[in-house]
PDB file of N, CA and C in Angstrom:
ATOM      1  N   MET A   1      14.500 -15.054  -2.565  1.00  0.00           N
ATOM      2  CA  MET A   1      13.425 -14.082  -2.406  1.00  0.00           C
ATOM      3  C   MET A   1      13.234 -13.349  -3.740  1.00  0.00           C
ATOM      4  N   GLN A   2      11.984 -13.090  -4.082  1.00  0.00           N
ATOM      5  CA  GLN A   2      11.692 -12.343  -5.297  1.00  0.00           C
ATOM      6  C   GLN A   2      12.260 -10.933  -5.153  1.00  0.00           C
ATOM      7  N   GLU A   3      12.841 -10.418  -6.225  1.00  0.00           N
ATOM      8  CA  GLU A   3      13.552  -9.140  -6.180  1.00  0.00           C
ATOM      9  C   GLU A   3      12.699  -7.973  -5.701  1.00  0.00           C
ATOM     10  N   TRP A   4      11.423  -7.960  -6.013  1.00  0.00           N
ATOM     11  CA  TRP A   4      10.572  -6.819  -5.685  1.00  0.00           C
ATOM     12  C   TRP A   4      10.085  -6.829  -4.240  1.00  0.00           C
ATOM     13  N   ILE A   5      10.298  -7.921  -3.512  1.00  0.00           N
ATOM     14  CA  ILE A   5       9.910  -7.965  -2.096  1.00  0.00           C
ATOM     15  C   ILE A   5      11.000  -7.262  -1.288  1.00  0.00           C
ATOM     16  N   ASP A   6      10.642  -6.168  -0.658  1.00  0.00           N
ATOM     17  CA  ASP A   6      11.591  -5.392   0.135  1.00  0.00           C
ATOM     18  C   ASP A   6      11.665  -5.980   1.541  1.00  0.00           C
ATOM     19  N   GLY A   7      12.782  -6.566   1.866  1.00  0.00           N
ATOM     20  CA  GLY A   7      12.978  -7.202   3.161  1.00  0.00           C
ATOM     21  C   GLY A   7      12.911  -6.251   4.339  1.00  0.00           C
ATOM     22  N   THR A   8      13.127  -4.949   4.106  1.00  0.00           N
ATOM     23  CA  THR A   8      13.072  -3.992   5.215  1.00  0.00           C
ATOM     24  C   THR A   8      11.649  -3.823   5.739  1.00  0.00           C
ATOM     25  N   LEU A   9      10.660  -4.287   4.996  1.00  0.00           N
ATOM     26  CA  LEU A   9       9.272  -4.212   5.466  1.00  0.00           C
ATOM     27  C   LEU A   9       8.979  -5.269   6.530  1.00  0.00           C
ATOM     28  N   TYR A  10       9.949  -6.128   6.798  1.00  0.00           N
ATOM     29  CA  TYR A  10       9.774  -7.215   7.763  1.00  0.00           C
ATOM     30  C   TYR A  10      10.811  -7.138   8.883  1.00  0.00           C
ATOM     31  N   PRO A  11      10.792  -6.055   9.667  1.00  0.00           N
ATOM     32  CA  PRO A  11      11.784  -5.942  10.743  1.00  0.00           C
ATOM     33  C   PRO A  11      11.534  -6.927  11.890  1.00  0.00           C
ATOM     34  N   ASP A  12      10.333  -7.462  11.956  1.00  0.00           N
ATOM     35  CA  ASP A  12       9.952  -8.344  13.056  1.00  0.00           C
ATOM     36  C   ASP A  12      10.077  -9.823  12.736  1.00  0.00           C
ATOM     37  N   THR A  13      10.377 -10.149  11.488  1.00  0.00           N
ATOM     38  CA  THR A  13      10.442 -11.554  11.080  1.00  0.00           C
ATOM     39  C   THR A  13      11.269 -11.663   9.800  1.00  0.00           C
ATOM     40  N   GLU A  14      11.578 -12.881   9.420  1.00  0.00           N
ATOM     41  CA  GLU A  14      12.290 -13.096   8.165  1.00  0.00           C
ATOM     42  C   GLU A  14      11.361 -12.763   6.992  1.00  0.00           C
ATOM     43  N   PRO A  15      11.863 -12.066   5.983  1.00  0.00           N
ATOM     44  CA  PRO A  15      11.018 -11.778   4.819  1.00  0.00           C
ATOM     45  C   PRO A  15      10.653 -13.072   4.097  1.00  0.00           C
ATOM     46  N   PRO A  16       9.466 -13.131   3.538  1.00  0.00           N
ATOM     47  CA  PRO A  16       9.066 -14.332   2.816  1.00  0.00           C
ATOM     48  C   PRO A  16       9.805 -14.458   1.482  1.00  0.00           C
ATOM     49  N   GLU A  17       9.942 -15.665   1.017  1.00  0.00           N
ATOM     50  CA  GLU A  17      10.556 -15.909  -0.286  1.00  0.00           C
ATOM     51  C   GLU A  17       9.607 -15.501  -1.416  1.00  0.00           C
ATOM     52  N   ALA A  18       8.318 -15.709  -1.179  1.00  0.00           N
ATOM     53  CA  ALA A  18       7.288 -15.384  -2.161  1.00  0.00           C
ATOM     54  C   ALA A  18       6.002 -15.050  -1.411  1.00  0.00           C
ATOM     55  N   LEU A  19       5.105 -14.413  -2.088  1.00  0.00           N
ATOM     56  CA  LEU A  19       3.811 -14.064  -1.499  1.00  0.00           C
ATOM     57  C   LEU A  19       2.737 -14.788  -2.300  1.00  0.00           C
ATOM     58  N   GLU A  20       2.374 -15.959  -1.836  1.00  0.00           N
ATOM     59  CA  GLU A  20       1.488 -16.816  -2.617  1.00  0.00           C
ATOM     60  C   GLU A  20       0.041 -16.807  -2.138  1.00  0.00           C
ATOM     61  N   THR A  21      -0.172 -16.643  -0.849  1.00  0.00           N
ATOM     62  CA  THR A  21      -1.539 -16.698  -0.333  1.00  0.00           C
ATOM     63  C   THR A  21      -2.117 -15.293  -0.203  1.00  0.00           C
ATOM     64  N   LEU A  22      -3.424 -15.232  -0.131  1.00  0.00           N
ATOM     65  CA  LEU A  22      -4.088 -13.945   0.060  1.00  0.00           C
ATOM     66  C   LEU A  22      -3.629 -13.302   1.365  1.00  0.00           C
ATOM     67  N   ALA A  23      -3.524 -14.074   2.417  1.00  0.00           N
ATOM     68  CA  ALA A  23      -3.090 -13.538   3.718  1.00  0.00           C
ATOM     69  C   ALA A  23      -1.679 -12.961   3.635  1.00  0.00           C
ATOM     70  N   GLU A  24      -0.780 -13.620   2.933  1.00  0.00           N
ATOM     71  CA  GLU A  24       0.594 -13.111   2.786  1.00  0.00           C
ATOM     72  C   GLU A  24       0.600 -11.800   1.991  1.00  0.00           C
ATOM     73  N   ARG A  25      -0.225 -11.734   0.979  1.00  0.00           N
ATOM     74  CA  ARG A  25      -0.283 -10.514   0.166  1.00  0.00           C
ATOM     75  C   ARG A  25      -0.899  -9.352   0.947  1.00  0.00           C
ATOM     76  N   VAL A  26      -1.942  -9.626   1.714  1.00  0.00           N
ATOM     77  CA  VAL A  26      -2.570  -8.578   2.521  1.00  0.00           C
ATOM     78  C   VAL A  26      -1.582  -8.060   3.563  1.00  0.00           C
ATOM     79  N   ASP A  27      -0.857  -8.969   4.222  1.00  0.00           N
ATOM     80  CA  ASP A  27       0.149  -8.559   5.200  1.00  0.00           C
ATOM     81  C   ASP A  27       1.217  -7.685   4.536  1.00  0.00           C
ATOM     82  N   PHE A  28       1.663  -8.089   3.367  1.00  0.00           N
ATOM     83  CA  PHE A  28       2.662  -7.313   2.641  1.00  0.00           C
ATOM     84  C   PHE A  28       2.140  -5.915   2.315  1.00  0.00           C
ATOM     85  N   LEU A  29       0.896  -5.839   1.821  1.00  0.00           N
ATOM     86  CA  LEU A  29       0.315  -4.541   1.482  1.00  0.00           C
ATOM     87  C   LEU A  29       0.181  -3.641   2.703  1.00  0.00           C
ATOM     88  N   ALA A  30      -0.213  -4.211   3.827  1.00  0.00           N
ATOM     89  CA  ALA A  30      -0.327  -3.417   5.055  1.00  0.00           C
ATOM     90  C   ALA A  30       1.041  -2.863   5.461  1.00  0.00           C
ATOM     91  N   ARG A  31       2.062  -3.688   5.353  1.00  0.00           N
ATOM     92  CA  ARG A  31       3.426  -3.239   5.675  1.00  0.00           C
ATOM     93  C   ARG A  31       3.888  -2.168   4.687  1.00  0.00           C
ATOM     94  N   LEU A  32       3.624  -2.393   3.409  1.00  0.00           N
ATOM     95  CA  LEU A  32       4.019  -1.455   2.371  1.00  0.00           C
ATOM     96  C   LEU A  32       3.332  -0.108   2.567  1.00  0.00           C
ATOM     97  N   CYS A  33       2.036  -0.130   2.813  1.00  0.00           N
ATOM     98  CA  CYS A  33       1.297   1.130   3.016  1.00  0.00           C
ATOM     99  C   CYS A  33       1.811   1.869   4.237  1.00  0.00           C
ATOM    100  N   GLY A  34       2.129   1.146   5.300  1.00  0.00           N
ATOM    101  CA  GLY A  34       2.672   1.788   6.497  1.00  0.00           C
ATOM    102  C   GLY A  34       3.970   2.515   6.200  1.00  0.00           C
ATOM    103  N   ALA A  35       4.850   1.883   5.435  1.00  0.00           N
ATOM    104  CA  ALA A  35       6.120   2.522   5.066  1.00  0.00           C
ATOM    105  C   ALA A  35       5.888   3.687   4.112  1.00  0.00           C
ATOM    106  N   TRP A  36       5.015   3.476   3.139  1.00  0.00           N
ATOM    107  CA  TRP A  36       4.741   4.493   2.126  1.00  0.00           C
ATOM    108  C   TRP A  36       4.129   5.735   2.754  1.00  0.00           C
ATOM    109  N   ASP A  37       3.262   5.555   3.733  1.00  0.00           N
ATOM    110  CA  ASP A  37       2.673   6.708   4.418  1.00  0.00           C
ATOM    111  C   ASP A  37       3.725   7.565   5.113  1.00  0.00           C
ATOM    112  N   PHE A  38       4.883   6.981   5.410  1.00  0.00           N
ATOM    113  CA  PHE A  38       5.971   7.733   6.028  1.00  0.00           C
ATOM    114  C   PHE A  38       7.018   8.152   4.997  1.00  0.00           C
ATOM    115  N   GLY A  39       6.675   8.030   3.713  1.00  0.00           N
ATOM    116  CA  GLY A  39       7.563   8.496   2.659  1.00  0.00           C
ATOM    117  C   GLY A  39       8.577   7.488   2.174  1.00  0.00           C
ATOM    118  N   ILE A  40       8.457   6.242   2.584  1.00  0.00           N
ATOM    119  CA  ILE A  40       9.400   5.209   2.160  1.00  0.00           C
ATOM    120  C   ILE A  40       8.669   4.287   1.195  1.00  0.00           C
ATOM    121  N   LEU A  41       9.043   4.328  -0.069  1.00  0.00           N
ATOM    122  CA  LEU A  41       8.396   3.493  -1.070  1.00  0.00           C
ATOM    123  C   LEU A  41       9.447   2.744  -1.874  1.00  0.00           C
ATOM    124  N   PRO A  42       9.462   1.430  -1.750  1.00  0.00           N
ATOM    125  CA  PRO A  42      10.378   0.651  -2.600  1.00  0.00           C
ATOM    126  C   PRO A  42       9.827   0.622  -4.031  1.00  0.00           C
ATOM    127  N   TYR A  43      10.431   1.382  -4.915  1.00  0.00           N
ATOM    128  CA  TYR A  43       9.900   1.582  -6.261  1.00  0.00           C
ATOM    129  C   TYR A  43       9.812   0.295  -7.077  1.00  0.00           C
ATOM    130  N   GLU A  44      10.660  -0.674  -6.804  1.00  0.00           N
ATOM    131  CA  GLU A  44      10.603  -1.937  -7.537  1.00  0.00           C
ATOM    132  C   GLU A  44       9.273  -2.646  -7.277  1.00  0.00           C
ATOM    133  N   THR A  45       8.693  -2.364  -6.147  1.00  0.00           N
ATOM    134  CA  THR A  45       7.454  -3.012  -5.735  1.00  0.00           C
ATOM    135  C   THR A  45       6.244  -2.464  -6.485  1.00  0.00           C
ATOM    136  N   VAL A  46       6.279  -1.213  -6.883  1.00  0.00           N
ATOM    137  CA  VAL A  46       5.118  -0.558  -7.481  1.00  0.00           C
ATOM    138  C   VAL A  46       4.635  -1.296  -8.725  1.00  0.00           C
ATOM    139  N   ALA A  47       5.537  -1.639  -9.612  1.00  0.00           N
ATOM    140  CA  ALA A  47       5.134  -2.330 -10.839  1.00  0.00           C
ATOM    141  C   ALA A  47       4.447  -3.653 -10.517  1.00  0.00           C
ATOM    142  N   GLU A  48       4.929  -4.339  -9.512  1.00  0.00           N
ATOM    143  CA  GLU A  48       4.329  -5.627  -9.139  1.00  0.00           C
ATOM    144  C   GLU A  48       2.925  -5.451  -8.564  1.00  0.00           C
ATOM    145  N   ILE A  49       2.758  -4.533  -7.626  1.00  0.00           N
ATOM    146  CA  ILE A  49       1.453  -4.421  -6.967  1.00  0.00           C
ATOM    147  C   ILE A  49       0.393  -3.759  -7.836  1.00  0.00           C
ATOM    148  N   LYS A  50       0.794  -3.182  -8.965  1.00  0.00           N
ATOM    149  CA  LYS A  50      -0.174  -2.635  -9.913  1.00  0.00           C
ATOM    150  C   LYS A  50      -0.784  -3.730 -10.795  1.00  0.00           C
ATOM    151  N   ARG A  51      -0.182  -4.898 -10.797  1.00  0.00           N
ATOM    152  CA  ARG A  51      -0.673  -5.986 -11.647  1.00  0.00           C
ATOM    153  C   ARG A  51      -2.062  -6.433 -11.193  1.00  0.00           C
ATOM    154  N   PRO A  52      -2.903  -6.845 -12.132  1.00  0.00           N
ATOM    155  CA  PRO A  52      -4.282  -7.253 -11.801  1.00  0.00           C
ATOM    156  C   PRO A  52      -4.365  -8.369 -10.758  1.00  0.00           C
ATOM    157  N   GLU A  53      -3.348  -9.192 -10.658  1.00  0.00           N
ATOM    158  CA  GLU A  53      -3.354 -10.290  -9.688  1.00  0.00           C
ATOM    159  C   GLU A  53      -3.414  -9.802  -8.240  1.00  0.00           C
ATOM    160  N   TRP A  54      -3.102  -8.530  -8.012  1.00  0.00           N
ATOM    161  CA  TRP A  54      -3.093  -7.964  -6.669  1.00  0.00           C
ATOM    162  C   TRP A  54      -4.430  -7.351  -6.269  1.00  0.00           C
ATOM    163  N   ARG A  55      -5.367  -7.263  -7.189  1.00  0.00           N
ATOM    164  CA  ARG A  55      -6.642  -6.588  -6.917  1.00  0.00           C
ATOM    165  C   ARG A  55      -7.373  -7.197  -5.720  1.00  0.00           C
ATOM    166  N   GLU A  56      -7.448  -8.518  -5.655  1.00  0.00           N
ATOM    167  CA  GLU A  56      -8.144  -9.175  -4.542  1.00  0.00           C
ATOM    168  C   GLU A  56      -7.494  -8.832  -3.205  1.00  0.00           C
ATOM    169  N   ALA A  57      -6.164  -8.836  -3.162  1.00  0.00           N
ATOM    170  CA  ALA A  57      -5.457  -8.514  -1.919  1.00  0.00           C
ATOM    171  C   ALA A  57      -5.656  -7.054  -1.530  1.00  0.00           C
ATOM    172  N   VAL A  58      -5.653  -6.165  -2.506  1.00  0.00           N
ATOM    173  CA  VAL A  58      -5.881  -4.742  -2.219  1.00  0.00           C
ATOM    174  C   VAL A  58      -7.278  -4.558  -1.636  1.00  0.00           C
ATOM    175  N   ALA A  59      -8.261  -5.201  -2.227  1.00  0.00           N
ATOM    176  CA  ALA A  59      -9.634  -5.096  -1.720  1.00  0.00           C
ATOM    177  C   ALA A  59      -9.753  -5.647  -0.305  1.00  0.00           C
ATOM    178  N   ALA A  60      -9.032  -6.708  -0.013  1.00  0.00           N
ATOM    179  CA  ALA A  60      -9.115  -7.359   1.297  1.00  0.00           C
ATOM    180  C   ALA A  60      -8.328  -6.635   2.383  1.00  0.00           C
ATOM    181  N   CYS A  61      -7.348  -5.850   2.015  1.00  0.00           N
ATOM    182  CA  CYS A  61      -6.450  -5.227   2.994  1.00  0.00           C
ATOM    183  C   CYS A  61      -7.190  -4.310   3.971  1.00  0.00           C
ATOM    184  N   GLN A  62      -7.993  -3.416   3.475  1.00  0.00           N
ATOM    185  CA  GLN A  62      -8.806  -2.514   4.304  1.00  0.00           C
ATOM    186  C   GLN A  62      -7.993  -1.701   5.312  1.00  0.00           C
ATOM    187  N   LYS A  63      -6.863  -1.180   4.903  1.00  0.00           N
ATOM    188  CA  LYS A  63      -6.046  -0.323   5.778  1.00  0.00           C
ATOM    189  C   LYS A  63      -6.574   1.112   5.700  1.00  0.00           C
ATOM    190  N   LEU A  64      -7.660   1.352   6.404  1.00  0.00           N
ATOM    191  CA  LEU A  64      -8.408   2.599   6.303  1.00  0.00           C
ATOM    192  C   LEU A  64      -7.683   3.809   6.880  1.00  0.00           C
ATOM    193  N   THR A  65      -6.606   3.589   7.604  1.00  0.00           N
ATOM    194  CA  THR A  65      -5.844   4.697   8.178  1.00  0.00           C
ATOM    195  C   THR A  65      -4.703   5.135   7.262  1.00  0.00           C
ATOM    196  N   SER A  66      -4.632   4.570   6.070  1.00  0.00           N
ATOM    197  CA  SER A  66      -3.501   4.805   5.180  1.00  0.00           C
ATOM    198  C   SER A  66      -3.905   5.586   3.933  1.00  0.00           C
ATOM    199  N   VAL A  67      -3.194   6.664   3.674  1.00  0.00           N
ATOM    200  CA  VAL A  67      -3.371   7.400   2.432  1.00  0.00           C
ATOM    201  C   VAL A  67      -2.892   6.549   1.256  1.00  0.00           C
ATOM    202  N   ALA A  68      -1.785   5.853   1.441  1.00  0.00           N
ATOM    203  CA  ALA A  68      -1.248   4.998   0.380  1.00  0.00           C
ATOM    204  C   ALA A  68      -2.256   3.929  -0.023  1.00  0.00           C
ATOM    205  N   TYR A  69      -2.974   3.393   0.939  1.00  0.00           N
ATOM    206  CA  TYR A  69      -3.977   2.370   0.627  1.00  0.00           C
ATOM    207  C   TYR A  69      -5.045   2.932  -0.305  1.00  0.00           C
ATOM    208  N   GLN A  70      -5.431   4.181  -0.114  1.00  0.00           N
ATOM    209  CA  GLN A  70      -6.420   4.793  -0.993  1.00  0.00           C
ATOM    210  C   GLN A  70      -5.884   4.861  -2.430  1.00  0.00           C
ATOM    211  N   ILE A  71      -4.606   5.128  -2.571  1.00  0.00           N
ATOM    212  CA  ILE A  71      -3.972   5.166  -3.895  1.00  0.00           C
ATOM    213  C   ILE A  71      -3.993   3.771  -4.523  1.00  0.00           C
ATOM    214  N   LEU A  72      -3.676   2.751  -3.731  1.00  0.00           N
ATOM    215  CA  LEU A  72      -3.719   1.376  -4.253  1.00  0.00           C
ATOM    216  C   LEU A  72      -5.114   1.025  -4.753  1.00  0.00           C
ATOM    217  N   ARG A  73      -6.121   1.391  -4.001  1.00  0.00           N
ATOM    218  CA  ARG A  73      -7.506   1.114  -4.421  1.00  0.00           C
ATOM    219  C   ARG A  73      -7.802   1.806  -5.750  1.00  0.00           C
ATOM    220  N   ASP A  74      -7.356   3.040  -5.895  1.00  0.00           N
ATOM    221  CA  ASP A  74      -7.571   3.772  -7.134  1.00  0.00           C
ATOM    222  C   ASP A  74      -6.862   3.081  -8.301  1.00  0.00           C
ATOM    223  N   TRP A  75      -5.619   2.650  -8.098  1.00  0.00           N
ATOM    224  CA  TRP A  75      -4.880   1.957  -9.146  1.00  0.00           C
ATOM    225  C   TRP A  75      -5.617   0.711  -9.638  1.00  0.00           C
ATOM    226  N   HIS A  76      -6.329   0.066  -8.737  1.00  0.00           N
ATOM    227  CA  HIS A  76      -7.034  -1.177  -9.082  1.00  0.00           C
ATOM    228  C   HIS A  76      -8.510  -0.937  -9.394  1.00  0.00           C
ATOM    229  N   SER A  77      -8.881   0.300  -9.611  1.00  0.00           N
ATOM    230  CA  SER A  77     -10.261   0.674  -9.951  1.00  0.00           C
ATOM    231  C   SER A  77     -11.272   0.145  -8.943  1.00  0.00           C
ATOM    232  N   LEU A  78     -10.879   0.163  -7.680  1.00  0.00           N
ATOM    233  CA  LEU A  78     -11.781  -0.219  -6.601  1.00  0.00           C
ATOM    234  C   LEU A  78     -12.447   1.043  -6.059  1.00  0.00           C
ATOM    235  N   PRO A  79     -13.681   0.943  -5.603  1.00  0.00           N
ATOM    236  CA  PRO A  79     -14.337   2.139  -5.076  1.00  0.00           C
ATOM    237  C   PRO A  79     -13.626   2.644  -3.821  1.00  0.00           C
ATOM    238  N   PRO A  80     -13.670   3.939  -3.592  1.00  0.00           N
ATOM    239  CA  PRO A  80     -13.030   4.472  -2.389  1.00  0.00           C
ATOM    240  C   PRO A  80     -13.700   3.938  -1.128  1.00  0.00           C
ATOM    241  N   VAL A  81     -12.918   3.872  -0.078  1.00  0.00           N
ATOM    242  CA  VAL A  81     -13.415   3.478   1.246  1.00  0.00           C
ATOM    243  C   VAL A  81     -13.156   4.644   2.188  1.00  0.00           C
ATOM    244  N   PRO A  82     -13.845   4.688   3.311  1.00  0.00           N
ATOM    245  CA  PRO A  82     -13.620   5.802   4.242  1.00  0.00           C
ATOM    246  C   PRO A  82     -12.168   5.861   4.704  1.00  0.00           C
ATOM    247  N   TYR A  83     -11.625   7.047   4.722  1.00  0.00           N
ATOM    248  CA  TYR A  83     -10.293   7.282   5.278  1.00  0.00           C
ATOM    249  C   TYR A  83     -10.477   7.734   6.712  1.00  0.00           C
ATOM    250  N   ILE A  84      -9.891   7.017   7.649  1.00  0.00           N
ATOM    251  CA  ILE A  84     -10.050   7.360   9.062  1.00  0.00           C
ATOM    252  C   ILE A  84      -8.725   7.759   9.707  1.00  0.00           C
ATOM    253  N   GLY A  85      -7.765   8.131   8.874  1.00  0.00           N
ATOM    254  CA  GLY A  85      -6.468   8.554   9.391  1.00  0.00           C
ATOM    255  C   GLY A  85      -6.468  10.028   9.726  1.00  0.00           C
ATOM    256  N   PRO A  86      -5.314  10.539  10.125  1.00  0.00           N
ATOM    257  CA  PRO A  86      -5.217  11.950  10.496  1.00  0.00           C
ATOM    258  C   PRO A  86      -5.406  12.862   9.300  1.00  0.00           C
ATOM    259  N   ILE A  87      -5.995  14.007   9.555  1.00  0.00           N
ATOM    260  CA  ILE A  87      -6.169  15.046   8.544  1.00  0.00           C
ATOM    261  C   ILE A  87      -5.212  16.181   8.903  1.00  0.00           C
ATOM    262  N   PHE A  88      -4.399  16.579   7.958  1.00  0.00           N
ATOM    263  CA  PHE A  88      -3.421  17.631   8.196  1.00  0.00           C
ATOM    264  C   PHE A  88      -3.885  18.910   7.492  1.00  0.00           C
ATOM    265  N   PRO A  89      -4.240  19.947   8.272  1.00  0.00           N
ATOM    266  CA  PRO A  89      -4.778  21.173   7.667  1.00  0.00           C
ATOM    267  C   PRO A  89      -3.881  21.773   6.601  1.00  0.00           C
ATOM    268  N   HIS A  90      -2.576  21.742   6.808  1.00  0.00           N
ATOM    269  CA  HIS A  90      -1.679  22.360   5.830  1.00  0.00           C
ATOM    270  C   HIS A  90      -1.684  21.605   4.501  1.00  0.00           C
ATOM    271  N   ILE A  91      -2.063  20.342   4.532  1.00  0.00           N
ATOM    272  CA  ILE A  91      -2.171  19.568   3.294  1.00  0.00           C
ATOM    273  C   ILE A  91      -3.527  19.809   2.642  1.00  0.00           C
ATOM    274  N   GLU A  92      -4.574  19.844   3.434  1.00  0.00           N
ATOM    275  CA  GLU A  92      -5.917  20.066   2.884  1.00  0.00           C
ATOM    276  C   GLU A  92      -6.008  21.369   2.102  1.00  0.00           C
ATOM    277  N   GLU A  93      -5.241  22.362   2.501  1.00  0.00           N
ATOM    278  CA  GLU A  93      -5.283  23.667   1.851  1.00  0.00           C
ATOM    279  C   GLU A  93      -4.307  23.773   0.680  1.00  0.00           C
ATOM    280  N   ASP A  94      -3.577  22.713   0.391  1.00  0.00           N
ATOM    281  CA  ASP A  94      -2.609  22.712  -0.695  1.00  0.00           C
ATOM    282  C   ASP A  94      -3.344  22.798  -2.038  1.00  0.00           C
ATOM    283  N   PRO A  95      -3.051  23.801  -2.860  1.00  0.00           N
ATOM    284  CA  PRO A  95      -3.762  23.951  -4.132  1.00  0.00           C
ATOM    285  C   PRO A  95      -3.466  22.830  -5.131  1.00  0.00           C
ATOM    286  N   PHE A  96      -2.431  22.052  -4.880  1.00  0.00           N
ATOM    287  CA  PHE A  96      -2.072  20.977  -5.782  1.00  0.00           C
ATOM    288  C   PHE A  96      -2.526  19.594  -5.287  1.00  0.00           C
ATOM    289  N   LEU A  97      -3.304  19.569  -4.219  1.00  0.00           N
ATOM    290  CA  LEU A  97      -3.744  18.315  -3.627  1.00  0.00           C
ATOM    291  C   LEU A  97      -4.494  17.436  -4.627  1.00  0.00           C
ATOM    292  N   ASP A  98      -5.290  18.024  -5.478  1.00  0.00           N
ATOM    293  CA  ASP A  98      -6.064  17.237  -6.444  1.00  0.00           C
ATOM    294  C   ASP A  98      -5.191  16.598  -7.519  1.00  0.00           C
ATOM    295  N   ARG A  99      -3.925  16.936  -7.571  1.00  0.00           N
ATOM    296  CA  ARG A  99      -3.002  16.361  -8.569  1.00  0.00           C
ATOM    297  C   ARG A  99      -2.197  15.206  -8.002  1.00  0.00           C
ATOM    298  N   ILE A 100      -2.402  14.878  -6.754  1.00  0.00           N
ATOM    299  CA  ILE A 100      -1.657  13.809  -6.102  1.00  0.00           C
ATOM    300  C   ILE A 100      -2.373  12.498  -6.318  1.00  0.00           C
TER     301      ILE A 100
END
């Protein structure tokens, strides 16, 4: 398995050895965003998913309920998409929100 693939993102199945197809990459991104939204981010993965080769998968993922997904889109210079996840009032009023 490639070192940057975090096997804990696959509690329901064996982790893949590699992510070669668009579908495999989209599935990985959806799993990653789900974990990241709960504060779990495998840092080894960040450098990999920032690479230009991931842009197509990021665009295809469309995980509109994920804050992390919005960050991925920004990293890949993709236009923002509607966020349909929960809004937390205590976060919206945070004066440092624009720095995140």
